[in-house]
């Protein structure tokens, strides 16, 4: 019962964190819009029926029934077809009617005498600032959360404390998964090493890192060593003899080395059968930018390869294949991970908080990168439209031609609808995959 409640708590914390992130994203649009004089009719969190709202100035602030997003409603997002045109309410075809209806609906947000307070009448650079305000806010949130995680809590690093002791030593290439009753005990188990023991010295050489301990053990196969450990404040001396065991060769990044044929390379080294416990080590502020950039690069790579990634997700969801742990997931999948973090009872509360903040930081990076895709109705689509308008006006001025005016973004509504449908289908696929074949941290 307690585990289930903790799981629900993790999901709720993530949902609240995501809701706050969305609210701040929209504030990133709202503040510059108001500073530049654009009339903002609504600032809403969620979609559907309005549950609560209040009006301050000429803006209605509120919360809607389905808190799965948010928006601000600015006057004049869609310019007239031609400067001075009045929107019409009819058309000659479905698409034309849809475009004209959109223009008419948008024109209703422009109050008489306040045409100067429209979005499309702003200089291009101001429009770009407004549309980049939301993603910029997500970047700020991510940087702050990463600073708290990395500098406040620290990042997991190998310590000199024993995390686990193996019952036996299994060669790297063996198909055996568990120790049998006939397998000889691992040297550490024979010597009486216990989880929680802190390594002090091995063979008379003091150790301050797990890497130092590993090097000594691997180079001492068949040699009896004195292992000094601290247990409960008491210093103990144990006699151990590392056993020669087959292990994979690793490169500087910790990946298994392969030969020209692609086969994994192995070598025989001394082993005791112990693994390190992790500890959180606070870092300096200089470690924050590389962590943020690495996350941005990772999300960008997923988006650039999204069609292939979605095919892999579909093959896993509707077939026997396993899902790529580094592939895309829906908010349902992220919620499951948050639930796992809070419900697992083998890690301390501090590490749970650190992990949850890390997940929220990664979500904000995902919102940042995703919203910069240059397609309507995403923020990047509006930025791309403003930049294209700037290019048109530059060349018109260069060749002494008439100002072409604002880009008719209403003409992109069919493409916008197609993007919305594709995003909806993608979300449904990921949600389905996260239900029938979820990714797990543990």
Protein backbone atom coordinates (compact mmCIF):
# COMPACT_ATOMS: atom_id res chain seq x y z
CA UNK A 1 0.00 0.00 0.00
CA UNK A 2 2.79 2.40 0.95
CA UNK A 3 4.65 1.64 -2.30
CA UNK A 4 1.52 2.39 -4.34
CA UNK A 5 0.98 5.70 -2.55
CA UNK A 6 4.61 6.68 -3.14
CA UNK A 7 4.22 5.76 -6.81
CA UNK A 8 1.15 8.01 -7.10
CA UNK A 9 3.03 10.77 -5.28
CA UNK A 10 5.80 10.63 -7.90
CA UNK A 11 3.28 10.93 -10.73
CA UNK A 12 1.52 13.86 -9.01
CA UNK A 13 4.83 15.68 -8.38
CA UNK A 14 5.81 15.28 -12.02
CA UNK A 15 2.38 16.46 -13.22
CA UNK A 16 2.57 19.57 -11.02
CA UNK A 17 6.11 20.26 -12.17
CA UNK A 18 5.08 19.94 -15.81
CA UNK A 19 2.05 22.19 -15.24
CA UNK A 20 4.24 24.87 -13.64
CA UNK A 21 6.70 24.58 -16.53
CA UNK A 22 3.90 25.11 -19.05
CA UNK A 23 2.55 28.07 -17.06
CA UNK A 24 5.99 29.68 -17.01
CA UNK A 25 6.44 28.93 -20.73
CA UNK A 26 3.29 30.96 -21.47
CA UNK A 27 4.46 33.74 -19.14
CA UNK A 28 7.59 33.83 -21.31
CA UNK A 29 5.27 34.82 -24.20
CA UNK A 30 2.97 37.01 -22.09
CA UNK A 31 5.54 39.40 -20.59
CA UNK A 32 7.19 40.59 -23.84
CA UNK A 33 3.80 40.72 -25.59
CA UNK A 34 2.48 43.14 -22.97
CA UNK A 35 5.75 45.10 -22.92
CA UNK A 36 5.45 45.61 -26.68
CA UNK A 37 1.82 46.74 -26.38
CA UNK A 38 0.06 43.71 -27.90
CA UNK A 39 -3.45 43.16 -26.60
CA UNK A 40 -3.53 39.77 -24.87
CA UNK A 41 -7.13 38.65 -24.41
CA UNK A 42 -6.46 35.42 -22.52
CA UNK A 43 -3.75 33.63 -20.54
CA UNK A 44 -4.96 30.09 -20.01
CA UNK A 45 -3.50 26.91 -18.55
CA UNK A 46 -5.12 23.87 -20.12
CA UNK A 47 -7.84 23.39 -22.71
CA UNK A 48 -11.58 22.79 -22.71
CA UNK A 49 -14.08 24.25 -20.29
CA UNK A 50 -12.89 27.11 -18.08
CA UNK A 51 -12.87 26.06 -14.41
CA UNK A 52 -11.72 29.37 -12.96
CA UNK A 53 -10.76 32.75 -14.34
CA UNK A 54 -10.23 36.36 -13.35
CA UNK A 55 -9.78 39.46 -15.47
CA UNK A 56 -7.07 42.01 -14.88
CA UNK A 57 -6.82 44.90 -17.31
CA UNK A 58 -7.77 43.55 -20.73
CA UNK A 59 -6.51 39.99 -20.05
CA UNK A 60 -8.49 37.05 -18.68
CA UNK A 61 -6.33 34.68 -16.61
CA UNK A 62 -7.69 31.19 -15.98
CA UNK A 63 -7.42 27.43 -15.66
CA UNK A 64 -9.25 25.02 -17.94
CA UNK A 65 -10.52 21.49 -17.42
CA UNK A 66 -7.73 19.60 -19.22
CA UNK A 67 -4.32 20.89 -18.01
CA UNK A 68 -2.42 19.34 -20.93
CA UNK A 69 -0.94 22.58 -22.25
CA UNK A 70 -1.58 26.29 -22.27
CA UNK A 71 -1.81 29.36 -24.45
CA UNK A 72 -2.08 33.13 -24.61
CA UNK A 73 -4.49 34.74 -27.06
CA UNK A 74 -2.90 37.74 -28.78
CA UNK A 75 -4.78 40.12 -31.07
CA UNK A 76 -3.77 40.04 -34.72
CA UNK A 77 -1.91 36.74 -34.94
CA UNK A 78 -3.26 36.39 -38.51
CA UNK A 79 -2.77 39.43 -40.74
CA UNK A 80 -5.35 40.34 -43.43
CA UNK A 81 -4.83 38.81 -46.86
CA UNK A 82 -3.79 42.22 -48.13
CA UNK A 83 -3.09 45.42 -46.17
CA UNK A 84 -6.40 47.14 -45.46
CA UNK A 85 -8.54 44.09 -46.34
CA UNK A 86 -11.51 43.17 -44.18
CA UNK A 87 -11.97 39.47 -43.42
CA UNK A 88 -14.89 37.76 -45.16
CA UNK A 89 -17.08 35.02 -43.73
CA UNK A 90 -17.48 32.89 -46.87
CA UNK A 91 -15.36 31.00 -49.36
CA UNK A 92 -15.43 28.92 -52.49
CA UNK A 93 -14.01 25.73 -51.01
CA UNK A 94 -13.34 23.94 -47.73
CA UNK A 95 -9.76 25.16 -47.33
CA UNK A 96 -10.59 28.72 -48.40
CA UNK A 97 -13.56 28.80 -46.04
CA UNK A 98 -11.42 27.49 -43.18
CA UNK A 99 -8.76 30.15 -43.81
CA UNK A 100 -11.33 32.95 -44.03
CA UNK A 101 -13.10 31.74 -40.89
CA UNK A 102 -9.77 31.76 -39.07
CA UNK A 103 -9.09 35.32 -40.23
CA UNK A 104 -12.60 36.39 -39.16
CA UNK A 105 -12.20 34.78 -35.72
CA UNK A 106 -8.81 36.42 -35.25
CA UNK A 107 -10.11 39.82 -36.42
CA UNK A 108 -12.78 39.71 -33.69
CA UNK A 109 -9.98 39.92 -31.10
CA UNK A 110 -8.93 43.31 -32.49
CA UNK A 111 -10.97 46.03 -30.76
CA UNK A 112 -12.05 49.11 -32.77
CA UNK A 113 -9.34 51.74 -32.68
CA UNK A 114 -6.72 49.30 -31.35
CA UNK A 115 -5.36 48.00 -34.64
CA UNK A 116 -1.93 49.25 -33.54
CA UNK A 117 -1.98 46.65 -30.71
CA UNK A 118 -1.91 43.67 -33.07
CA UNK A 119 0.87 41.10 -33.22
CA UNK A 120 1.38 41.33 -36.98
CA UNK A 121 1.91 45.12 -36.82
CA UNK A 122 4.94 44.72 -34.55
CA UNK A 123 8.47 44.95 -35.96
CA UNK A 124 9.85 41.55 -36.88
CA UNK A 125 12.41 41.49 -34.07
CA UNK A 126 9.72 42.09 -31.45
CA UNK A 127 7.60 39.23 -32.82
CA UNK A 128 10.60 36.91 -32.68
CA UNK A 129 11.30 37.90 -29.06
CA UNK A 130 7.67 37.18 -28.10
CA UNK A 131 7.68 33.74 -29.74
CA UNK A 132 11.10 32.81 -28.34
CA UNK A 133 10.05 33.94 -24.86
CA UNK A 134 8.35 30.61 -24.11
CA UNK A 135 11.27 28.34 -25.11
CA UNK A 136 13.68 30.74 -23.37
CA UNK A 137 11.69 30.32 -20.15
CA UNK A 138 12.01 26.53 -20.46
CA UNK A 139 15.76 26.97 -20.88
CA UNK A 140 15.93 29.11 -17.74
CA UNK A 141 13.94 26.53 -15.77
CA UNK A 142 16.20 23.72 -17.00
CA UNK A 143 19.38 25.64 -16.11
CA UNK A 144 18.08 26.40 -12.60
CA UNK A 145 17.02 22.79 -12.01
CA UNK A 146 20.31 21.44 -13.35
CA UNK A 147 22.20 23.85 -11.06
CA UNK A 148 20.22 22.55 -8.07
CA UNK A 149 20.75 18.92 -9.10
CA UNK A 150 24.44 19.18 -10.00
CA UNK A 151 25.68 21.78 -7.52
CA UNK A 152 23.21 21.32 -4.66
CA UNK A 153 22.65 17.56 -4.58
CA UNK A 154 25.56 16.39 -6.75
CA UNK A 155 25.87 13.77 -9.47
CA UNK A 156 26.25 10.02 -8.79
CA UNK A 157 29.87 8.88 -8.74
CA UNK A 158 31.57 5.66 -7.72
CA UNK A 159 32.67 5.75 -4.08
CA UNK A 160 35.13 3.62 -2.13
CA UNK A 161 32.21 2.00 -0.31
CA UNK A 162 31.25 -1.56 -1.23
CA UNK A 163 27.75 -1.61 -2.71
CA UNK A 164 27.30 -5.34 -3.23
CA UNK A 165 29.23 -8.61 -2.82
CA UNK A 166 28.82 -11.38 -5.42
CA UNK A 167 28.35 -14.98 -4.39
CA UNK A 168 30.58 -16.24 -7.21
CA UNK A 169 32.50 -15.00 -10.27
CA UNK A 170 30.89 -15.66 -13.67
CA UNK A 171 33.04 -15.21 -16.82
CA UNK A 172 31.93 -12.36 -19.11
CA UNK A 173 31.11 -14.63 -22.06
CA UNK A 174 29.28 -17.25 -20.00
CA UNK A 175 25.57 -17.80 -20.63
CA UNK A 176 25.12 -18.49 -16.92
CA UNK A 177 23.02 -15.82 -15.20
CA UNK A 178 23.05 -16.92 -11.55
CA UNK A 179 25.45 -18.69 -9.22
CA UNK A 180 24.84 -22.40 -8.67
CA UNK A 181 25.54 -24.41 -5.53
CA UNK A 182 28.64 -25.95 -7.15
CA UNK A 183 30.27 -22.62 -8.07
CA UNK A 184 33.18 -21.60 -5.82
CA UNK A 185 32.56 -18.56 -3.69
CA UNK A 186 33.94 -15.23 -4.84
CA UNK A 187 37.13 -14.12 -2.99
CA UNK A 188 35.37 -11.18 -1.31
CA UNK A 189 32.55 -13.42 -0.03
CA UNK A 190 35.11 -15.93 1.30
CA UNK A 191 37.00 -13.15 3.10
CA UNK A 192 33.85 -11.81 4.77
CA UNK A 193 33.55 -8.49 2.91
CA UNK A 194 30.11 -6.92 3.43
CA UNK A 195 28.08 -4.23 1.61
CA UNK A 196 28.74 -0.92 3.33
CA UNK A 197 32.41 -1.63 4.02
CA UNK A 198 34.58 1.35 3.11
CA UNK A 199 37.87 0.47 1.41
CA UNK A 200 40.88 2.03 3.13
CA UNK A 201 43.85 0.19 1.62
CA UNK A 202 44.65 -2.86 -0.52
CA UNK A 203 47.99 -4.67 -0.28
CA UNK A 204 49.43 -1.85 1.83
CA UNK A 205 48.46 0.84 -0.68
CA UNK A 206 45.82 3.36 0.39
CA UNK A 207 42.92 3.92 -2.01
CA UNK A 208 40.89 7.11 -2.39
CA UNK A 209 38.90 6.18 -5.52
CA UNK A 210 37.22 3.04 -6.79
CA UNK A 211 39.35 3.20 -9.93
CA UNK A 212 42.52 2.90 -7.81
CA UNK A 213 41.09 -0.13 -6.00
CA UNK A 214 40.04 -1.77 -9.29
CA UNK A 215 43.52 -1.32 -10.79
CA UNK A 216 45.25 -2.95 -7.81
CA UNK A 217 42.80 -5.89 -7.74
CA UNK A 218 42.98 -6.52 -11.49
CA UNK A 219 46.80 -6.56 -11.42
CA UNK A 220 46.99 -8.92 -8.42
CA UNK A 221 45.35 -12.15 -9.65
CA UNK A 222 46.47 -15.12 -7.47
CA UNK A 223 48.26 -12.89 -4.95
CA UNK A 224 47.12 -12.73 -1.34
CA UNK A 225 46.40 -9.16 -0.31
CA UNK A 226 45.54 -7.48 2.97
CA UNK A 227 42.29 -5.58 2.51
CA UNK A 228 41.67 -2.91 5.10
CA UNK A 229 38.07 -1.76 5.44
CA UNK A 230 36.20 0.53 7.78
CA UNK A 231 33.01 -1.03 9.15
CA UNK A 232 30.85 0.82 11.65
CA UNK A 233 33.76 3.03 12.70
CA UNK A 234 36.06 0.03 13.23
CA UNK A 235 39.10 -0.74 11.05
CA UNK A 236 39.27 -4.38 9.95
CA UNK A 237 42.00 -6.30 8.08
CA UNK A 238 40.81 -9.07 5.76
CA UNK A 239 42.89 -11.47 3.66
CA UNK A 240 41.78 -11.75 0.03
CA UNK A 241 43.20 -13.39 -3.12
CA UNK A 242 41.83 -11.96 -6.41
CA UNK A 243 40.76 -14.74 -8.81
CA UNK A 244 41.68 -14.65 -12.51
CA UNK A 245 38.38 -14.04 -14.33
CA UNK A 246 37.36 -13.22 -17.89
CA UNK A 247 36.04 -9.69 -18.35
CA UNK A 248 35.21 -7.47 -21.34
CA UNK A 249 37.78 -4.85 -22.35
CA UNK A 250 36.43 -1.31 -22.00
CA UNK A 251 37.47 1.91 -23.72
CA UNK A 252 37.82 5.35 -22.13
CA UNK A 253 34.05 5.89 -22.36
CA UNK A 254 33.26 2.61 -20.61
CA UNK A 255 32.06 0.90 -23.80
CA UNK A 256 33.06 -2.65 -24.73
CA UNK A 257 35.90 -2.80 -27.27
CA UNK A 258 35.36 -4.82 -30.45
CA UNK A 259 37.71 -6.29 -33.05
CA UNK A 260 37.62 -5.80 -36.83
CA UNK A 261 34.86 -8.42 -37.08
CA UNK A 262 32.71 -6.67 -34.51
CA UNK A 263 33.27 -9.32 -31.82
CA UNK A 264 33.63 -8.16 -28.21
CA UNK A 265 37.16 -8.26 -26.82
CA UNK A 266 37.87 -9.89 -23.47
CA UNK A 267 40.86 -10.29 -21.17
CA UNK A 268 41.59 -12.08 -17.88
CA UNK A 269 42.08 -9.93 -14.79
CA UNK A 270 41.94 -10.31 -11.03
CA UNK A 271 38.51 -10.01 -9.45
CA UNK A 272 37.16 -10.05 -5.90
CA UNK A 273 33.44 -9.99 -6.69
CA UNK A 274 32.60 -6.56 -5.26
CA UNK A 275 30.93 -3.52 -6.80
CA UNK A 276 30.94 0.09 -5.71
CA UNK A 277 28.14 2.04 -4.08
CA UNK A 278 27.35 5.38 -5.67
CA UNK A 279 27.41 8.66 -3.80
CA UNK A 280 26.23 12.15 -4.75
CA UNK A 281 29.18 14.49 -5.26
CA UNK A 282 28.34 18.23 -5.65
CA UNK A 283 29.98 19.87 -8.67
CA UNK A 284 30.88 23.47 -9.52
CA UNK A 285 28.63 25.75 -11.59
CA UNK A 286 30.95 25.11 -14.53
CA UNK A 287 29.45 21.62 -14.85
CA UNK A 288 25.95 22.99 -15.53
CA UNK A 289 26.32 24.34 -19.12
CA UNK A 290 27.86 21.10 -20.49
CA UNK A 291 25.06 19.06 -18.87
CA UNK A 292 22.38 21.33 -20.37
CA UNK A 293 24.04 21.27 -23.80
CA UNK A 294 24.40 17.48 -23.70
CA UNK A 295 20.67 17.15 -22.97
CA UNK A 296 19.79 19.60 -25.78
CA UNK A 297 21.97 17.64 -28.22
CA UNK A 298 20.35 14.36 -27.16
CA UNK A 299 16.79 15.64 -27.61
CA UNK A 300 17.72 17.25 -30.94
CA UNK A 301 19.14 13.95 -32.16
CA UNK A 302 15.90 12.15 -31.24
CA UNK A 303 13.80 14.75 -33.10
CA UNK A 304 16.02 14.69 -36.19
CA UNK A 305 15.63 10.90 -36.33
CA UNK A 306 12.00 10.92 -35.18
CA UNK A 307 10.46 9.00 -38.14
CA UNK A 308 12.91 6.11 -37.67
CA UNK A 309 12.49 6.23 -33.89
CA UNK A 310 8.70 6.10 -34.18
CA UNK A 311 8.92 3.09 -36.51
CA UNK A 312 11.04 1.34 -33.87
CA UNK A 313 8.50 2.27 -31.18
CA UNK A 314 5.66 0.89 -33.32
CA UNK A 315 7.56 -2.35 -33.99
CA UNK A 316 8.11 -2.77 -30.25
CA UNK A 317 4.54 -1.83 -29.30
CA UNK A 318 2.88 -4.14 -31.82
CA UNK A 319 5.57 -6.82 -32.02
CA UNK A 320 8.15 -8.77 -30.03
CA UNK A 321 11.00 -6.23 -30.30
CA UNK A 322 12.29 -4.42 -27.24
CA UNK A 323 12.07 -0.63 -27.01
CA UNK A 324 15.16 1.55 -27.25
CA UNK A 325 15.75 2.91 -23.70
CA UNK A 326 17.07 6.13 -25.27
CA UNK A 327 14.09 6.55 -27.59
CA UNK A 328 11.11 8.91 -27.29
CA UNK A 329 8.36 8.45 -24.73
CA UNK A 330 5.10 10.16 -23.86
CA UNK A 331 4.23 12.02 -20.69
CA UNK A 332 2.67 8.73 -19.51
CA UNK A 333 6.06 7.05 -19.76
CA UNK A 334 7.77 9.90 -17.94
CA UNK A 335 5.08 9.68 -15.26
CA UNK A 336 5.78 5.97 -14.79
CA UNK A 337 9.47 6.70 -14.32
CA UNK A 338 8.65 9.37 -11.73
CA UNK A 339 6.46 6.82 -9.93
CA UNK A 340 9.28 4.27 -9.96
CA UNK A 341 11.72 6.79 -8.52
CA UNK A 342 9.52 7.66 -5.55
CA UNK A 343 8.31 4.12 -4.84
CA UNK A 344 11.65 2.26 -4.87
CA UNK A 345 12.80 1.67 -1.29
CA UNK A 346 16.49 0.99 -1.92
CA UNK A 347 17.56 4.61 -2.47
CA UNK A 348 17.45 7.48 0.06
CA UNK A 349 14.97 10.35 -0.15
CA UNK A 350 17.70 12.81 -1.17
CA UNK A 351 18.48 10.75 -4.29
CA UNK A 352 14.77 10.51 -5.11
CA UNK A 353 14.43 14.31 -5.01
CA UNK A 354 17.59 14.69 -7.10
CA UNK A 355 16.28 12.25 -9.69
CA UNK A 356 12.83 13.88 -9.92
CA UNK A 357 14.37 17.33 -10.39
CA UNK A 358 16.59 15.85 -13.10
CA UNK A 359 13.53 14.45 -14.88
CA UNK A 360 11.79 17.86 -14.74
CA UNK A 361 14.93 19.53 -16.09
CA UNK A 362 15.01 17.09 -19.01
CA UNK A 363 11.30 17.70 -19.68
CA UNK A 364 11.93 21.43 -19.96
CA UNK A 365 14.78 20.79 -22.39
CA UNK A 366 12.38 18.64 -24.44
CA UNK A 367 9.79 21.47 -24.43
CA UNK A 368 12.50 23.94 -25.45
CA UNK A 369 13.78 21.93 -28.41
CA UNK A 370 10.37 20.70 -29.56
CA UNK A 371 8.88 24.21 -29.62
CA UNK A 372 11.75 25.45 -31.78
CA UNK A 373 10.79 23.13 -34.66
CA UNK A 374 10.06 25.56 -37.55
CA UNK A 375 6.51 24.33 -38.17
CA UNK A 376 3.19 25.94 -37.30
CA UNK A 377 1.59 25.99 -34.75
CA UNK A 378 4.83 25.62 -32.77
CA UNK A 379 6.77 28.70 -31.64
CA UNK A 380 9.48 27.92 -34.16
CA UNK A 381 6.91 28.10 -36.96
CA UNK A 382 5.98 31.67 -36.02
CA UNK A 383 9.67 32.59 -35.82
CA UNK A 384 10.27 31.07 -39.26
CA UNK A 385 7.32 33.09 -40.65
CA UNK A 386 8.70 36.32 -39.19
CA UNK A 387 12.18 35.62 -40.59
CA UNK A 388 10.73 34.87 -44.04
CA UNK A 389 8.83 38.16 -43.89
CA UNK A 390 12.06 39.94 -43.02
CA UNK A 391 13.84 38.34 -45.98
CA UNK A 392 11.03 39.36 -48.36
CA UNK A 393 11.04 42.95 -47.12
CA UNK A 394 14.85 43.14 -47.31
CA UNK A 395 14.93 42.15 -50.97
CA UNK A 396 11.95 44.38 -51.78
CA UNK A 397 13.78 47.34 -50.30
CA UNK A 398 17.04 46.31 -51.98
CA UNK A 399 15.42 46.30 -55.42
CA UNK A 400 13.20 49.35 -54.70
CA UNK A 401 9.99 47.35 -54.86
CA UNK A 402 6.74 47.80 -52.97
CA UNK A 403 6.72 46.52 -49.39
CA UNK A 404 5.12 43.03 -49.61
CA UNK A 405 3.62 43.41 -46.12
CA UNK A 406 3.18 40.67 -43.51
CA UNK A 407 3.45 37.03 -44.54
CA UNK A 408 -0.02 35.53 -44.97
CA UNK A 409 0.42 32.83 -42.30
CA UNK A 410 -3.29 32.01 -42.57
CA UNK A 411 -2.43 30.23 -45.82
CA UNK A 412 -0.40 27.78 -43.73
CA UNK A 413 -3.46 26.62 -41.78
CA UNK A 414 -3.84 23.38 -43.81
CA UNK A 415 -0.20 22.56 -43.04
CA UNK A 416 -0.81 23.49 -39.42
CA UNK A 417 -3.75 21.09 -39.24
CA UNK A 418 -1.62 18.35 -40.78
CA UNK A 419 1.10 18.96 -38.18
CA UNK A 420 -1.48 18.84 -35.37
CA UNK A 421 -2.86 15.53 -36.69
CA UNK A 422 0.65 14.07 -36.97
CA UNK A 423 1.56 15.23 -33.46
CA UNK A 424 -1.68 13.74 -32.14
CA UNK A 425 -1.02 10.40 -33.84
CA UNK A 426 2.55 10.39 -32.53
CA UNK A 427 1.33 11.08 -28.99
CA UNK A 428 -1.22 8.26 -29.17
CA UNK A 429 1.43 5.82 -30.42
CA UNK A 430 3.85 6.75 -27.64
CA UNK A 431 1.13 6.60 -24.98
CA UNK A 432 0.08 3.15 -26.22
CA UNK A 433 3.70 1.95 -26.23
CA UNK A 434 4.24 3.34 -22.72
CA UNK A 435 1.24 1.33 -21.52
CA UNK A 436 1.82 -2.04 -23.22
CA UNK A 437 5.63 -2.01 -23.29
CA UNK A 438 6.86 0.67 -20.89
CA UNK A 439 10.46 1.72 -20.38
CA UNK A 440 11.80 1.28 -16.87
CA UNK A 441 14.74 2.72 -14.94
CA UNK A 442 15.00 -0.27 -12.64
